[in-house]
Amino acid sequence: MCQAERLRCKPGSAEPNATSFICFRRRPEGSTEEITVYVLDRGLQDPATRYLCEVRSENGKRIVGTPCESVEKAISVVQWDDLDRDG
């Protein structure tokens, strides 16, 4: 699983910005998949919904979490299992 501690956003920034990193996840059948995690810092306008996480898999699937007040929470609320669903 990805380590949220590796991510550093601009503290106190009023401007939206994004940070991305590549990591690997284990799929249910045991194979490893490379994913890219994007964290959008939407700025200081609404602290409760400041961070949003989007994940893209190497096979083109894309999932988006719910806006949250922290990077850690934004990553943790992503429905990771959705990467394994057909459709």
Protein backbone atom coordinates (compact mmCIF):
# COMPACT_ATOMS: atom_id res chain seq x y z
CA MET A 1 0.00 0.00 0.00
CA CYS A 2 1.11 3.58 -0.53
CA GLN A 3 2.61 5.63 2.25
CA ALA A 4 0.82 8.96 2.74
CA GLU A 5 3.86 10.22 4.68
CA ARG A 6 5.83 10.44 1.42
CA LEU A 7 3.53 13.16 0.12
CA ARG A 8 4.26 16.78 0.87
CA CYS A 9 1.88 19.53 -0.25
CA LYS A 10 2.52 23.23 -0.07
CA PRO A 11 1.50 24.24 3.47
CA GLY A 12 -0.73 27.28 3.64
CA SER A 13 -1.20 27.50 -0.11
CA ALA A 14 -4.34 29.24 -1.29
CA GLU A 15 -3.84 27.97 -4.86
CA PRO A 16 -4.88 24.51 -6.04
CA ASN A 17 -2.01 22.18 -6.88
CA ALA A 18 -1.53 18.45 -7.43
CA THR A 19 1.10 15.95 -6.38
CA SER A 20 1.46 12.44 -7.78
CA PHE A 21 3.42 9.34 -6.97
CA ILE A 22 3.72 5.82 -8.33
CA CYS A 23 3.35 2.77 -6.13
CA PHE A 24 2.36 -0.87 -6.35
CA ARG A 25 -0.65 -2.72 -4.98
CA ARG A 26 -1.38 -6.40 -4.66
CA ARG A 27 -4.44 -7.52 -6.59
CA PRO A 28 -6.82 -10.11 -5.05
CA GLU A 29 -5.41 -12.95 -7.19
CA GLY A 30 -1.89 -12.13 -5.94
CA SER A 31 -0.38 -10.24 -8.88
CA THR A 32 1.20 -6.82 -8.44
CA GLU A 33 -0.13 -3.76 -10.24
CA GLU A 34 1.50 -0.37 -10.73
CA ILE A 35 -0.79 2.56 -9.92
CA THR A 36 -0.40 6.32 -10.00
CA VAL A 37 -1.91 8.24 -7.09
CA TYR A 38 -2.75 11.91 -7.58
CA VAL A 39 -3.60 14.14 -4.63
CA LEU A 40 -5.21 17.45 -5.45
CA ASP A 41 -4.78 20.21 -2.89
CA ARG A 42 -7.77 22.45 -3.59
CA GLY A 43 -6.43 25.31 -1.47
CA LEU A 44 -7.63 27.00 1.69
CA GLN A 45 -11.12 27.99 0.57
CA ASP A 46 -12.82 25.05 2.33
CA PRO A 47 -10.54 23.20 4.77
CA ALA A 48 -13.04 20.33 5.22
CA THR A 49 -12.77 19.41 1.52
CA ARG A 50 -9.23 20.56 0.79
CA TYR A 51 -7.71 17.26 -0.48
CA LEU A 52 -8.99 14.89 -3.16
CA CYS A 53 -7.35 11.63 -4.26
CA GLU A 54 -7.54 10.07 -7.73
CA VAL A 55 -5.97 6.72 -8.63
CA ARG A 56 -5.17 5.39 -12.10
CA SER A 57 -4.13 1.81 -12.75
CA GLU A 58 -1.81 0.54 -15.45
CA ASN A 59 -4.80 -1.01 -17.25
CA GLY A 60 -6.57 2.36 -17.52
CA LYS A 61 -9.02 2.17 -14.62
CA ARG A 62 -9.60 5.40 -12.73
CA ILE A 63 -11.17 5.91 -9.31
CA VAL A 64 -11.73 9.12 -7.36
CA GLY A 65 -12.23 9.44 -3.62
CA THR A 66 -14.15 11.96 -1.56
CA PRO A 67 -12.79 15.42 -0.69
CA CYS A 68 -11.38 15.43 2.87
CA GLU A 69 -9.58 17.65 5.37
CA SER A 70 -6.27 15.74 5.28
CA VAL A 71 -4.07 13.93 2.77
CA GLU A 72 -4.14 10.77 4.88
CA LYS A 73 -7.93 10.69 5.02
CA ALA A 74 -8.29 11.49 1.30
CA ILE A 75 -6.13 8.45 0.49
CA SER A 76 -7.83 6.18 3.02
CA VAL A 77 -11.41 6.83 1.79
CA VAL A 78 -10.64 5.79 -1.80
CA GLN A 79 -12.59 2.64 -2.71
CA TRP A 80 -9.49 0.65 -3.69
CA ASP A 81 -11.56 -2.47 -4.48
CA ASP A 82 -13.11 -0.57 -7.40
CA LEU A 83 -9.84 -1.09 -9.29
CA ASP A 84 -10.65 -4.81 -9.37
CA ARG A 85 -14.23 -4.52 -10.64
CA ASP A 86 -15.19 -5.14 -14.25
CA GLY A 87 -16.75 -2.32 -16.17
